[in-house]
Amino acid sequence: MPSQPVQGDTARDVSGWITDFRPTKDELDACVHCGLCLPHCPTFRLTGNEAASPRGRITAMRAVNEGVLTVDEDFEEMLGFCLGCRACEAVCPGLVPYGRLFEGARAEIAAQRPTLVGSARRRALGRLLPLRRLVGSATTMAGLLQKVDGLLPNPLRKRLGGLRTLSANPQSSLGRIVEPEGTPVGTVGLLSGCVMDPWFGGVHEASIALLSRAGYRVVVPRSQTCCGALAAHDGAAEEARRLAAVNQRAFAGVDVVVADAAGCSAHLADYDHFVDGGFDAPTRDITVVIAEAIADGRLPRMEGNESVAYQDPCHLRHAQRITEEPRSIVRAAGYEAVEIDPDGICCGAAGLYTLLRPVAADELGKRKADQVRATGMTTVVSANPGCEMQLRSHLGDSYRIVHPVELYHDRLVSHANAGTR
């Protein structure tokens, strides 16, 4: 296989791939077809079909790589059905980088099988989603629709039901600089994201407040943009690379880059795959930073005797192997974290999956909601916006879905207010 990508629609190497994000032979050969991934794959559990399993998809990628198969409709369907949850990575003895293989295959499909709908969707993810005015207008419209919920058709009502109550004029965190309380320990650059700011502003507020109290100077660069995760997952590799380059410049000079959405922090951790050198500073999920501050005594532990259900976002548990830190935050807030699913099976959100594969997404969402109900808890803690929306849409308004840093911050404020009475 040549080391340089082959450009053009007809010129391609002997393997059949034409993008420089293509899986390598070594990566594909790392899969020994042991089958340990099968019980952890949500689509295999749904169907029992080998083609809906990680090793089945890798077999197809290898066949394309060797010129045995072409990037055709069947290949596109096989990859399109994958959630990209990366549960297979966490149990793979060969350390197969399935996430990268998946994104490379999706990029290849986009290059070789461009369709009007697919191209428009990928352009929207790379060009329109980062436009803050456009997202703000969409937020205002969604907020208005929430007010007339009873008049809407069921599918639209369900989608809106997954959202938090939206403000017509959401406050943006962009451009904020917050000085540390107490002894400074460094400067954090916070990713505002594309929809986190207008849809989940409370998570940002809690993150900024806790980071400042823990001794960090917090900056939210105005020149930043969408992390590019959704674009990368959908095969818009060049758009993802462009967005990564913007953020690389925007976060120059900070000590650590922090994201408070699991999907975003997982993608930031792979930035060196999209832009030379990645970030100058390390990237971390907010739960890791706050858990460390609690362990160091820079943030307090609180007492309590309540319990909450805890849901593992795939891109924390599987992609980043972060499991203990968010649970330790829940405990430090004075709650017991009640486990929902020991296997951490995907809830079915997976970015655009609920829109593109509604039947499979809905079934996985129902199963996750049933697991929550079985705990008897009415508060669920989850550290990813897509998971939160999926859970809320299937559980309804009688359940509270909250990010671990929000849970902790709310208890911290409550204790402070109680102490001033």
Protein backbone atom coordinates (compact mmCIF):
# COMPACT_ATOMS: atom_id res chain seq x y z
CA MET A 1 0.00 0.00 0.00
CA PRO A 2 1.54 3.38 -0.91
CA SER A 3 2.27 5.81 1.92
CA GLN A 4 0.66 8.74 0.11
CA PRO A 5 -3.06 9.03 -0.68
CA VAL A 6 -4.15 8.70 -4.29
CA GLN A 7 -6.39 11.54 -5.42
CA GLY A 8 -9.23 11.58 -7.92
CA ASP A 9 -12.29 9.48 -8.64
CA THR A 10 -10.59 6.92 -10.86
CA ALA A 11 -6.97 6.86 -9.68
CA ARG A 12 -6.69 4.64 -6.62
CA ASP A 13 -4.19 2.20 -5.15
CA VAL A 14 -4.48 -1.56 -5.49
CA SER A 15 -6.33 -1.79 -2.17
CA GLY A 16 -9.29 0.18 -3.49
CA TRP A 17 -9.09 2.98 -0.91
CA ILE A 18 -8.65 6.56 -2.05
CA THR A 19 -8.59 8.56 1.20
CA ASP A 20 -5.64 9.11 3.52
CA PHE A 21 -7.87 8.19 6.47
CA ARG A 22 -8.09 4.62 5.23
CA PRO A 23 -7.44 1.75 7.65
CA THR A 24 -3.94 0.31 7.43
CA LYS A 25 -3.16 -3.35 6.88
CA ASP A 26 -1.59 -3.60 10.34
CA GLU A 27 -4.71 -2.14 11.98
CA LEU A 28 -6.99 -4.53 10.13
CA ASP A 29 -4.75 -7.54 10.76
CA ALA A 30 -4.82 -6.82 14.51
CA CYS A 31 -8.31 -8.37 14.55
CA VAL A 32 -7.94 -12.13 15.08
CA HIS A 33 -11.72 -12.81 14.94
CA CYS A 34 -11.78 -14.16 18.50
CA GLY A 35 -15.38 -13.05 19.00
CA LEU A 36 -14.90 -11.45 22.44
CA CYS A 37 -16.47 -8.29 21.04
CA LEU A 38 -19.75 -9.94 20.02
CA PRO A 39 -21.67 -9.82 23.33
CA HIS A 40 -20.61 -6.19 23.81
CA CYS A 41 -21.78 -4.97 20.39
CA PRO A 42 -25.29 -3.46 20.58
CA THR A 43 -26.13 -4.07 16.92
CA PHE A 44 -25.02 -7.70 17.12
CA ARG A 45 -27.15 -8.13 20.25
CA LEU A 46 -30.11 -6.64 18.38
CA THR A 47 -29.77 -8.83 15.29
CA GLY A 48 -27.48 -11.79 15.99
CA ASN A 49 -26.06 -11.08 12.52
CA GLU A 50 -22.30 -11.47 12.01
CA ALA A 51 -22.38 -8.61 9.49
CA ALA A 52 -23.65 -6.38 12.32
CA SER A 53 -20.65 -7.18 14.52
CA PRO A 54 -17.23 -5.49 14.79
CA ARG A 55 -15.33 -8.48 13.41
CA GLY A 56 -17.83 -8.78 10.55
CA ARG A 57 -17.31 -5.15 9.60
CA ILE A 58 -13.53 -5.49 9.90
CA THR A 59 -13.66 -8.54 7.63
CA ALA A 60 -15.47 -6.42 5.04
CA MET A 61 -12.93 -3.60 5.42
CA ARG A 62 -10.08 -6.06 4.94
CA ALA A 63 -11.76 -7.44 1.81
CA VAL A 64 -12.02 -3.93 0.38
CA ASN A 65 -8.43 -3.26 1.37
CA GLU A 66 -7.31 -6.36 -0.54
CA GLY A 67 -9.44 -5.56 -3.59
CA VAL A 68 -11.75 -8.55 -3.06
CA LEU A 69 -14.80 -6.33 -2.44
CA THR A 70 -15.69 -2.84 -3.57
CA VAL A 71 -17.16 0.06 -1.63
CA ASP A 72 -20.72 -0.72 -2.66
CA GLU A 73 -24.23 -0.38 -1.24
CA ASP A 74 -23.84 -3.43 1.03
CA PHE A 75 -20.59 -2.09 2.48
CA GLU A 76 -22.22 1.28 3.10
CA GLU A 77 -25.20 -0.37 4.83
CA MET A 78 -22.94 -2.49 7.00
CA LEU A 79 -20.98 0.51 8.26
CA GLY A 80 -24.04 2.74 8.46
CA PHE A 81 -25.71 0.36 10.92
CA CYS A 82 -22.77 0.66 13.34
CA LEU A 83 -23.30 3.06 16.26
CA GLY A 84 -19.59 3.79 16.62
CA CYS A 85 -19.91 3.19 20.37
CA ARG A 86 -16.45 1.54 20.52
CA ALA A 87 -17.53 -1.01 23.13
CA CYS A 88 -15.53 -3.55 21.13
CA GLU A 89 -12.31 -1.60 21.74
CA ALA A 90 -12.55 -1.93 25.51
CA VAL A 91 -12.64 -5.76 25.39
CA CYS A 92 -10.38 -6.40 22.38
CA PRO A 93 -7.23 -8.39 23.28
CA GLY A 94 -5.60 -7.24 20.04
CA LEU A 95 -6.17 -3.54 20.83
CA VAL A 96 -7.81 -3.00 17.44
CA PRO A 97 -8.44 0.77 17.02
CA TYR A 98 -11.99 0.21 15.82
CA GLY A 99 -12.98 3.87 16.14
CA ARG A 100 -10.36 4.91 13.62
CA LEU A 101 -11.19 2.02 11.30
CA PHE A 102 -14.86 2.99 11.44
CA GLU A 103 -14.23 6.66 10.69
CA GLY A 104 -11.80 5.77 7.90
CA ALA A 105 -14.32 3.44 6.28
CA ARG A 106 -17.06 6.09 6.54
CA ALA A 107 -14.72 8.61 4.91
CA GLU A 108 -14.06 6.15 2.11
CA ILE A 109 -17.78 5.65 1.56
CA ALA A 110 -18.24 9.42 1.36
CA ALA A 111 -15.44 9.65 -1.19
CA GLN A 112 -16.50 6.76 -3.42
CA ARG A 113 -20.30 6.86 -3.07
CA PRO A 114 -21.30 10.52 -2.89
CA THR A 115 -25.06 11.07 -2.84
CA LEU A 116 -27.01 14.29 -2.77
CA VAL A 117 -28.46 13.61 0.68
CA GLY A 118 -25.23 12.29 2.16
CA SER A 119 -23.12 15.12 0.77
CA ALA A 120 -25.60 17.70 2.02
CA ARG A 121 -25.63 16.12 5.48
CA ARG A 122 -21.85 16.03 5.71
CA ARG A 123 -21.62 19.63 4.51
CA ALA A 124 -24.13 20.63 7.16
CA LEU A 125 -22.09 18.92 9.86
CA GLY A 126 -18.87 20.55 8.74
CA ARG A 127 -20.09 23.97 7.61
CA LEU A 128 -23.52 24.75 9.06
CA LEU A 129 -23.46 23.18 12.53
CA PRO A 130 -20.48 25.36 13.58
CA LEU A 131 -22.41 28.53 12.58
CA ARG A 132 -23.51 29.88 15.95
CA ARG A 133 -26.15 32.21 14.57
CA LEU A 134 -27.77 29.37 12.68
CA VAL A 135 -27.73 27.10 15.73
CA GLY A 136 -29.10 29.99 17.79
CA SER A 137 -31.98 30.47 15.36
CA ALA A 138 -32.72 26.73 15.41
CA THR A 139 -32.67 26.85 19.22
CA THR A 140 -35.17 29.71 19.26
CA MET A 141 -37.46 27.82 16.89
CA ALA A 142 -37.21 24.62 18.95
CA GLY A 143 -37.99 26.60 22.10
CA LEU A 144 -41.13 28.00 20.51
CA LEU A 145 -42.20 24.52 19.38
CA GLN A 146 -41.75 23.26 22.93
CA LYS A 147 -44.42 25.74 24.04
CA VAL A 148 -46.99 24.20 21.66
CA ASP A 149 -45.92 20.62 22.33
CA GLY A 150 -49.48 19.27 22.42
CA LEU A 151 -50.16 20.39 18.87
CA LEU A 152 -47.16 18.62 17.33
CA PRO A 153 -47.06 15.19 15.64
CA ASN A 154 -45.71 12.39 17.84
CA PRO A 155 -42.29 11.96 16.13
CA LEU A 156 -41.45 15.65 16.45
CA ARG A 157 -42.83 15.80 19.98
CA LYS A 158 -40.58 12.91 20.96
CA ARG A 159 -37.49 14.60 19.53
CA LEU A 160 -38.26 17.85 21.32
CA GLY A 161 -39.05 15.91 24.46
CA GLY A 162 -35.42 14.84 24.67
CA LEU A 163 -34.25 18.43 24.94
CA ARG A 164 -34.03 20.51 28.05
CA THR A 165 -36.40 23.46 28.18
CA LEU A 166 -34.78 25.90 25.78
CA SER A 167 -34.44 29.63 26.23
CA ALA A 168 -35.35 31.99 23.41
CA ASN A 169 -32.17 33.94 24.19
CA PRO A 170 -29.62 31.47 25.57
CA GLN A 171 -26.55 32.95 27.25
CA SER A 172 -23.29 31.98 25.58
CA SER A 173 -20.12 31.14 27.45
CA LEU A 174 -17.96 32.21 24.50
CA GLY A 175 -15.35 34.80 25.30
CA ARG A 176 -15.61 34.35 29.05
CA ILE A 177 -12.53 34.57 31.25
CA VAL A 178 -12.96 33.59 34.89
CA GLU A 179 -10.14 34.02 37.37
CA PRO A 180 -9.35 31.29 39.90
CA GLU A 181 -10.41 31.29 43.52
CA GLY A 182 -7.53 30.71 45.90
CA THR A 183 -4.14 29.43 44.76
CA PRO A 184 -3.90 29.26 40.93
CA VAL A 185 -3.04 25.86 39.49
CA GLY A 186 -3.20 26.58 35.76
CA THR A 187 -5.29 27.79 32.83
CA VAL A 188 -8.09 25.68 31.40
CA GLY A 189 -9.48 26.22 27.92
CA LEU A 190 -13.11 25.08 27.88
CA LEU A 191 -14.66 23.77 24.67
CA SER A 192 -18.04 25.45 24.23
CA GLY A 193 -19.10 23.05 21.46
CA CYS A 194 -21.78 23.52 18.83
CA VAL A 195 -25.00 22.69 20.73
CA MET A 196 -23.68 22.50 24.29
CA ASP A 197 -23.73 26.28 24.65
CA PRO A 198 -27.38 26.93 23.67
CA TRP A 199 -28.88 23.57 24.73
CA PHE A 200 -26.84 22.57 27.79
CA GLY A 201 -25.63 25.90 29.14
CA GLY A 202 -26.15 24.71 32.71
CA VAL A 203 -23.36 22.15 32.25
CA HIS A 204 -20.98 24.90 31.14
CA GLU A 205 -21.98 27.11 34.08
CA ALA A 206 -21.36 24.30 36.56
CA SER A 207 -18.06 23.38 34.89
CA ILE A 208 -16.76 26.95 34.91
CA ALA A 209 -17.77 27.53 38.54
CA LEU A 210 -16.16 24.32 39.75
CA LEU A 211 -12.98 24.79 37.72
CA SER A 212 -12.58 28.31 39.11
CA ARG A 213 -13.15 27.14 42.67
CA ALA A 214 -10.59 24.37 42.11
CA GLY A 215 -7.95 26.99 41.27
CA TYR A 216 -8.11 27.15 37.50
CA ARG A 217 -8.21 30.24 35.37
CA VAL A 218 -10.94 29.41 32.84
CA VAL A 219 -10.95 30.79 29.32
CA VAL A 220 -13.56 30.05 26.66
CA PRO A 221 -11.91 31.18 23.40
CA ARG A 222 -14.28 33.05 21.12
CA SER A 223 -12.38 31.85 18.04
CA GLN A 224 -13.08 28.15 18.71
CA THR A 225 -15.56 26.06 16.76
CA CYS A 226 -17.36 22.69 16.81
CA CYS A 227 -15.02 19.85 17.79
CA GLY A 228 -15.85 17.98 14.56
CA ALA A 229 -16.87 14.66 16.12
CA LEU A 230 -20.18 14.38 14.26
CA ALA A 231 -18.48 15.23 10.96
CA ALA A 232 -15.76 12.62 11.52
CA HIS A 233 -18.25 9.89 12.47
CA ASP A 234 -20.27 10.56 9.31
CA GLY A 235 -17.27 10.41 6.97
CA ALA A 236 -16.73 14.15 6.49
CA ALA A 237 -13.03 13.71 7.22
CA GLU A 238 -11.80 16.86 5.51
CA GLU A 239 -14.37 18.98 7.32
CA ALA A 240 -13.34 17.37 10.60
CA ARG A 241 -9.72 18.16 9.81
CA ARG A 242 -10.56 21.79 9.06
CA LEU A 243 -12.48 22.20 12.34
CA ALA A 244 -9.62 20.59 14.27
CA ALA A 245 -7.16 23.08 12.77
CA VAL A 246 -9.35 26.01 13.89
CA ASN A 247 -9.48 24.68 17.44
CA GLN A 248 -5.78 23.92 17.49
CA ARG A 249 -5.14 27.63 16.95
CA ALA A 250 -7.90 28.79 19.29
CA PHE A 251 -6.60 26.84 22.29
CA ALA A 252 -2.91 27.67 21.87
CA GLY A 253 -1.39 28.79 25.16
CA VAL A 254 -3.66 27.03 27.66
CA ASP A 255 -2.40 24.39 30.09
CA VAL A 256 -5.20 21.93 29.46
CA VAL A 257 -8.15 21.71 27.05
CA VAL A 258 -11.33 20.50 28.76
CA ALA A 259 -14.65 19.34 27.29
CA ASP A 260 -17.77 18.67 29.35
CA ALA A 261 -19.45 16.42 26.77
CA ALA A 262 -18.11 12.86 26.58
CA GLY A 263 -18.36 12.66 22.79
CA CYS A 264 -16.39 15.90 22.41
CA SER A 265 -13.65 14.96 24.88
CA ALA A 266 -13.19 11.59 23.15
CA HIS A 267 -12.79 13.27 19.77
CA LEU A 268 -10.38 15.89 21.13
CA ALA A 269 -8.21 13.06 22.43
CA ASP A 270 -7.83 11.83 18.82
CA TYR A 271 -7.01 15.22 17.29
CA ASP A 272 -3.52 14.12 16.28
CA HIS A 273 -5.27 11.89 13.75
CA PHE A 274 -6.77 14.95 12.08
CA VAL A 275 -4.24 17.75 12.53
CA ASP A 276 -0.45 17.54 12.90
CA GLY A 277 0.59 17.52 16.53
CA GLY A 278 -2.93 17.74 17.93
CA PHE A 279 -3.13 20.27 20.75
CA ASP A 280 -0.08 21.72 22.48
CA ALA A 281 -1.80 21.00 25.79
CA PRO A 282 -3.33 17.74 27.03
CA THR A 283 -7.06 17.24 26.54
CA ARG A 284 -9.28 15.97 29.34
CA ASP A 285 -12.89 15.30 30.13
CA ILE A 286 -14.34 17.56 32.81
CA THR A 287 -15.12 14.58 35.06
CA VAL A 288 -11.42 13.71 35.31
CA VAL A 289 -10.40 17.27 36.21
CA ILE A 290 -13.13 17.72 38.83
CA ALA A 291 -12.55 14.26 40.33
CA GLU A 292 -8.86 15.10 40.76
CA ALA A 293 -9.71 18.42 42.43
CA ILE A 294 -11.96 16.58 44.89
CA ALA A 295 -9.27 13.98 45.59
CA ASP A 296 -6.71 16.76 46.18
CA GLY A 297 -9.02 18.60 48.59
CA ARG A 298 -9.45 21.63 46.33
CA LEU A 299 -13.15 20.81 46.15
CA PRO A 300 -15.09 19.48 49.16
CA ARG A 301 -16.83 16.19 49.83
CA MET A 302 -20.40 16.42 51.07
CA GLU A 303 -22.64 14.16 53.07
CA GLY A 304 -26.00 12.78 52.01
CA ASN A 305 -28.11 9.65 51.97
CA GLU A 306 -29.80 9.85 48.57
CA SER A 307 -29.26 7.63 45.54
CA VAL A 308 -29.18 8.31 41.80
CA ALA A 309 -28.92 6.05 38.78
CA TYR A 310 -25.66 6.31 36.83
CA GLN A 311 -25.44 5.77 33.06
CA ASP A 312 -22.09 5.25 31.31
CA PRO A 313 -21.74 7.26 28.08
CA CYS A 314 -19.96 5.10 25.51
CA HIS A 315 -17.35 7.72 24.73
CA LEU A 316 -16.38 7.94 28.38
CA ARG A 317 -16.45 4.24 29.27
CA HIS A 318 -15.34 2.60 26.05
CA ALA A 319 -13.44 5.23 24.08
CA GLN A 320 -11.61 6.88 27.02
CA ARG A 321 -11.85 4.16 29.71
CA ILE A 322 -13.22 6.75 32.15
CA THR A 323 -15.49 5.02 34.65
CA GLU A 324 -14.44 5.77 38.22
CA GLU A 325 -14.08 9.57 38.01
CA PRO A 326 -17.74 10.48 37.31
CA ARG A 327 -18.88 8.01 39.97
CA SER A 328 -16.48 9.56 42.49
CA ILE A 329 -18.04 12.97 41.75
CA VAL A 330 -21.49 11.54 42.44
CA ARG A 331 -20.27 10.10 45.76
CA ALA A 332 -18.54 13.37 46.69
CA ALA A 333 -21.87 15.13 46.19
CA GLY A 334 -23.35 12.86 48.85
CA TYR A 335 -25.15 10.38 46.59
CA GLU A 336 -24.88 6.67 46.03
CA ALA A 337 -24.40 5.83 42.35
CA VAL A 338 -26.78 2.98 41.49
CA GLU A 339 -25.57 0.99 38.49
CA ILE A 340 -27.91 0.64 35.51
CA ASP A 341 -26.05 -1.71 33.18
CA PRO A 342 -22.86 -3.62 34.10
CA ASP A 343 -22.05 -4.07 30.40
CA GLY A 344 -22.42 -0.39 29.50
CA ILE A 345 -24.39 -1.14 26.31
CA CYS A 346 -25.06 1.91 24.11
CA CYS A 347 -28.33 3.76 24.72
CA GLY A 348 -28.78 4.24 20.96
CA ALA A 349 -28.16 7.99 20.77
CA ALA A 350 -24.85 7.93 18.87
CA GLY A 351 -24.92 11.38 17.31
CA LEU A 352 -27.17 11.31 14.24
CA TYR A 353 -28.09 7.65 14.72
CA THR A 354 -31.53 8.45 16.18
CA LEU A 355 -32.34 10.31 12.95
CA LEU A 356 -30.70 7.95 10.47
CA ARG A 357 -31.56 4.63 12.16
CA PRO A 358 -34.66 5.41 14.25
CA VAL A 359 -35.87 1.81 14.64
CA ALA A 360 -32.63 0.45 16.10
CA ALA A 361 -32.05 3.63 18.13
CA ASP A 362 -35.55 3.45 19.56
CA GLU A 363 -35.19 -0.19 20.61
CA LEU A 364 -31.88 0.49 22.35
CA GLY A 365 -33.37 3.56 24.01
CA LYS A 366 -36.32 1.54 25.32
CA ARG A 367 -33.99 -1.09 26.74
CA LYS A 368 -31.91 1.54 28.51
CA ALA A 369 -35.03 3.24 29.89
CA ASP A 370 -36.25 -0.11 31.23
CA GLN A 371 -32.92 -0.57 33.00
CA VAL A 372 -33.33 2.84 34.63
CA ARG A 373 -36.88 2.07 35.75
CA ALA A 374 -35.70 -1.19 37.28
CA THR A 375 -33.48 0.75 39.71
CA GLY A 376 -36.42 2.72 41.09
CA MET A 377 -34.41 5.93 40.77
CA THR A 378 -35.94 9.10 39.27
CA THR A 379 -32.66 11.01 38.89
CA VAL A 380 -30.22 9.75 36.26
CA VAL A 381 -26.64 11.00 35.93
CA SER A 382 -25.06 11.01 32.46
CA ALA A 383 -22.08 12.93 31.12
CA ASN A 384 -23.03 13.20 27.45
CA PRO A 385 -25.71 15.36 25.81
CA GLY A 386 -26.84 12.74 23.29
CA CYS A 387 -27.33 10.17 26.05
CA GLU A 388 -29.24 12.71 28.12
CA MET A 389 -31.60 13.47 25.25
CA GLN A 390 -32.15 9.79 24.49
CA LEU A 391 -32.87 8.99 28.14
CA ARG A 392 -35.25 11.92 28.59
CA SER A 393 -37.18 11.12 25.40
CA HIS A 394 -37.78 7.54 26.62
CA LEU A 395 -38.26 8.21 30.33
CA GLY A 396 -40.42 11.32 30.20
CA ASP A 397 -40.72 14.44 32.33
CA SER A 398 -40.98 12.61 35.65
CA TYR A 399 -37.26 11.80 35.50
CA ARG A 400 -34.41 14.23 36.04
CA ILE A 401 -31.39 13.71 33.76
CA VAL A 402 -28.32 15.62 34.88
CA HIS A 403 -24.57 15.82 34.22
CA PRO A 404 -22.35 14.73 37.16
CA VAL A 405 -20.77 18.19 37.48
CA GLU A 406 -24.25 19.74 37.63
CA LEU A 407 -25.30 17.28 40.33
CA TYR A 408 -22.20 18.12 42.36
CA HIS A 409 -22.46 21.88 41.79
CA ASP A 410 -26.14 21.96 42.74
CA ARG A 411 -25.40 20.14 46.01
CA LEU A 412 -22.46 22.49 46.67
CA VAL A 413 -24.68 25.55 46.20
CA SER A 414 -27.41 23.98 48.34
CA HIS A 415 -24.97 23.33 51.21
CA ALA A 416 -23.58 26.88 50.93
CA ASN A 417 -27.07 28.37 51.07
CA ALA A 418 -27.99 26.19 54.04
CA GLY A 419 -24.89 27.38 55.86
CA THR A 420 -25.82 31.05 55.49
CA ARG A 421 -29.26 30.69 57.06
